[in-house]
Amino acid sequence: MCQIQNNLKKDLKKFGLNPEEWTVRKLKEKTYKVMHIKDHQFYFHGQTKQVGVLPEWSQLRLFSL
């Protein structure tokens, strides 16, 4: 996992999620899929914004349970 994805994974704490329970995969330029490691049908889609050197989450929405 690249530095950007690792940083985004750590920032999941801001949304009340345990980063150790999730994987972060890039879908498009600023869109990521955040999937639970044990239940792959439980995931979010997240949008990022550029703040400084690394992007940060601008939005995270539940996509599928």
N, C-alpha and C. Protein backbone atom coordinates (compact mmCIF):
# COMPACT_ATOMS: atom_id res chain seq x y z
N MET A 1 0.85 -1.18 0.00
CA MET A 1 0.00 0.00 0.00
C MET A 1 0.89 1.23 0.00
N CYS A 2 0.56 2.22 -0.80
CA CYS A 2 1.40 3.41 -0.90
C CYS A 2 1.17 4.35 0.28
N GLN A 3 2.03 5.34 0.39
CA GLN A 3 1.98 6.29 1.50
C GLN A 3 0.64 7.02 1.56
N ILE A 4 0.10 7.39 0.42
CA ILE A 4 -1.18 8.10 0.38
C ILE A 4 -2.27 7.23 0.98
N GLN A 5 -2.33 5.97 0.56
CA GLN A 5 -3.37 5.07 1.07
C GLN A 5 -3.15 4.79 2.55
N ASN A 6 -1.92 4.66 2.99
CA ASN A 6 -1.65 4.45 4.41
C ASN A 6 -2.11 5.65 5.24
N ASN A 7 -1.87 6.85 4.74
CA ASN A 7 -2.29 8.05 5.43
C ASN A 7 -3.83 8.13 5.51
N LEU A 8 -4.49 7.82 4.39
CA LEU A 8 -5.95 7.83 4.37
C LEU A 8 -6.51 6.77 5.31
N LYS A 9 -5.86 5.62 5.37
CA LYS A 9 -6.30 4.56 6.27
C LYS A 9 -6.21 5.02 7.73
N LYS A 10 -5.12 5.65 8.11
CA LYS A 10 -4.97 6.17 9.48
C LYS A 10 -6.04 7.19 9.80
N ASP A 11 -6.39 8.02 8.81
CA ASP A 11 -7.39 9.07 9.02
C ASP A 11 -8.81 8.56 9.17
N LEU A 12 -9.02 7.26 8.99
CA LEU A 12 -10.36 6.70 9.20
C LEU A 12 -10.80 6.89 10.65
N LYS A 13 -9.84 7.07 11.56
CA LYS A 13 -10.17 7.34 12.97
C LYS A 13 -11.08 8.54 13.11
N LYS A 14 -10.92 9.53 12.23
CA LYS A 14 -11.73 10.75 12.29
C LYS A 14 -13.21 10.46 12.05
N PHE A 15 -13.50 9.30 11.46
CA PHE A 15 -14.88 8.89 11.18
C PHE A 15 -15.34 7.80 12.15
N GLY A 16 -14.56 7.55 13.18
CA GLY A 16 -14.93 6.56 14.18
C GLY A 16 -14.67 5.12 13.76
N LEU A 17 -13.84 4.93 12.75
CA LEU A 17 -13.53 3.59 12.27
C LEU A 17 -12.14 3.17 12.74
N ASN A 18 -11.97 1.90 13.03
CA ASN A 18 -10.68 1.35 13.42
C ASN A 18 -9.89 1.06 12.14
N PRO A 19 -8.80 1.78 11.88
CA PRO A 19 -8.04 1.59 10.64
C PRO A 19 -7.56 0.16 10.42
N GLU A 20 -7.36 -0.60 11.48
CA GLU A 20 -6.87 -1.97 11.34
C GLU A 20 -7.92 -2.90 10.75
N GLU A 21 -9.19 -2.47 10.72
CA GLU A 21 -10.28 -3.31 10.22
C GLU A 21 -10.66 -3.01 8.77
N TRP A 22 -9.90 -2.10 8.12
CA TRP A 22 -10.29 -1.63 6.79
C TRP A 22 -9.12 -1.62 5.81
N THR A 23 -9.44 -1.81 4.53
CA THR A 23 -8.47 -1.63 3.47
C THR A 23 -8.91 -0.44 2.62
N VAL A 24 -7.95 0.25 2.03
CA VAL A 24 -8.24 1.43 1.21
C VAL A 24 -7.68 1.17 -0.19
N ARG A 25 -8.55 1.24 -1.19
CA ARG A 25 -8.14 1.02 -2.57
C ARG A 25 -8.60 2.19 -3.44
N LYS A 26 -7.72 2.63 -4.29
CA LYS A 26 -8.04 3.75 -5.19
C LYS A 26 -8.93 3.26 -6.32
N LEU A 27 -10.02 4.02 -6.59
CA LEU A 27 -10.91 3.71 -7.71
C LEU A 27 -10.69 4.66 -8.87
N LYS A 28 -10.62 5.95 -8.55
CA LYS A 28 -10.37 7.00 -9.53
C LYS A 28 -9.39 7.98 -8.91
N GLU A 29 -9.17 9.10 -9.59
CA GLU A 29 -8.17 10.07 -9.13
C GLU A 29 -8.38 10.48 -7.67
N LYS A 30 -9.59 10.83 -7.27
CA LYS A 30 -9.85 11.28 -5.91
C LYS A 30 -10.90 10.44 -5.20
N THR A 31 -11.16 9.24 -5.71
CA THR A 31 -12.19 8.36 -5.14
C THR A 31 -11.56 7.06 -4.68
N TYR A 32 -11.91 6.65 -3.46
CA TYR A 32 -11.35 5.43 -2.87
C TYR A 32 -12.47 4.55 -2.33
N LYS A 33 -12.20 3.26 -2.32
CA LYS A 33 -13.10 2.29 -1.72
C LYS A 33 -12.48 1.86 -0.39
N VAL A 34 -13.27 1.96 0.67
CA VAL A 34 -12.83 1.57 2.00
C VAL A 34 -13.64 0.34 2.38
N MET A 35 -12.97 -0.83 2.37
CA MET A 35 -13.66 -2.10 2.53
C MET A 35 -13.23 -2.79 3.83
N HIS A 36 -14.23 -3.36 4.53
CA HIS A 36 -13.94 -4.09 5.76
C HIS A 36 -13.14 -5.35 5.40
N ILE A 37 -12.13 -5.67 6.22
CA ILE A 37 -11.25 -6.78 5.87
C ILE A 37 -11.91 -8.15 6.01
N LYS A 38 -12.94 -8.27 6.84
CA LYS A 38 -13.60 -9.57 7.03
C LYS A 38 -14.90 -9.70 6.24
N ASP A 39 -15.57 -8.59 5.99
CA ASP A 39 -16.82 -8.60 5.25
C ASP A 39 -16.68 -7.68 4.04
N HIS A 40 -16.35 -8.25 2.91
CA HIS A 40 -16.06 -7.46 1.71
C HIS A 40 -17.30 -6.81 1.10
N GLN A 41 -18.48 -7.16 1.60
CA GLN A 41 -19.69 -6.51 1.12
C GLN A 41 -20.05 -5.29 1.96
N PHE A 42 -19.23 -4.99 2.97
CA PHE A 42 -19.42 -3.81 3.83
C PHE A 42 -18.33 -2.81 3.46
N TYR A 43 -18.73 -1.75 2.74
CA TYR A 43 -17.72 -0.78 2.31
C TYR A 43 -18.28 0.63 2.14
N PHE A 44 -17.36 1.56 2.09
CA PHE A 44 -17.65 2.97 1.90
C PHE A 44 -16.97 3.44 0.63
N HIS A 45 -17.46 4.52 0.06
CA HIS A 45 -16.75 5.24 -0.99
C HIS A 45 -16.35 6.57 -0.40
N GLY A 46 -15.11 6.95 -0.60
CA GLY A 46 -14.61 8.18 -0.05
C GLY A 46 -14.05 9.11 -1.11
N GLN A 47 -14.26 10.39 -0.91
CA GLN A 47 -13.70 11.42 -1.77
C GLN A 47 -12.59 12.12 -1.00
N THR A 48 -11.54 12.50 -1.70
CA THR A 48 -10.43 13.18 -1.05
C THR A 48 -10.26 14.59 -1.59
N LYS A 49 -9.56 15.40 -0.81
CA LYS A 49 -9.17 16.74 -1.25
C LYS A 49 -7.70 16.91 -0.94
N GLN A 50 -7.03 17.69 -1.71
CA GLN A 50 -5.60 17.92 -1.52
C GLN A 50 -5.39 18.99 -0.46
N VAL A 51 -4.71 18.63 0.61
CA VAL A 51 -4.36 19.56 1.69
C VAL A 51 -2.88 19.35 1.98
N GLY A 52 -2.06 20.27 1.57
CA GLY A 52 -0.63 20.09 1.74
C GLY A 52 -0.10 19.05 0.77
N VAL A 53 0.79 18.21 1.28
CA VAL A 53 1.44 17.21 0.43
C VAL A 53 0.53 16.00 0.18
N LEU A 54 -0.16 15.53 1.23
CA LEU A 54 -0.99 14.33 1.10
C LEU A 54 -2.47 14.69 1.11
N PRO A 55 -3.28 13.92 0.38
CA PRO A 55 -4.73 14.18 0.39
C PRO A 55 -5.35 13.77 1.72
N GLU A 56 -6.50 14.36 2.01
CA GLU A 56 -7.29 14.03 3.20
C GLU A 56 -8.71 13.69 2.75
N TRP A 57 -9.44 12.99 3.61
CA TRP A 57 -10.83 12.69 3.32
C TRP A 57 -11.64 13.98 3.32
N SER A 58 -12.46 14.16 2.32
CA SER A 58 -13.43 15.26 2.31
C SER A 58 -14.82 14.71 2.56
N GLN A 59 -15.01 13.43 2.22
CA GLN A 59 -16.32 12.80 2.38
C GLN A 59 -16.14 11.29 2.42
N LEU A 60 -16.91 10.65 3.26
CA LEU A 60 -16.93 9.18 3.33
C LEU A 60 -18.37 8.78 3.48
N ARG A 61 -18.88 7.99 2.54
CA ARG A 61 -20.29 7.59 2.62
C ARG A 61 -20.44 6.08 2.47
N LEU A 62 -21.36 5.57 3.25
CA LEU A 62 -21.66 4.14 3.21
C LEU A 62 -22.21 3.80 1.84
N PHE A 63 -21.63 2.79 1.22
CA PHE A 63 -22.04 2.41 -0.12
C PHE A 63 -22.78 1.10 -0.12
N SER A 64 -22.36 0.17 0.73
CA SER A 64 -23.00 -1.14 0.76
C SER A 64 -22.81 -1.81 2.11
N LEU A 65 -23.85 -2.49 2.57
CA LEU A 65 -23.77 -3.28 3.80
C LEU A 65 -23.72 -4.75 3.46
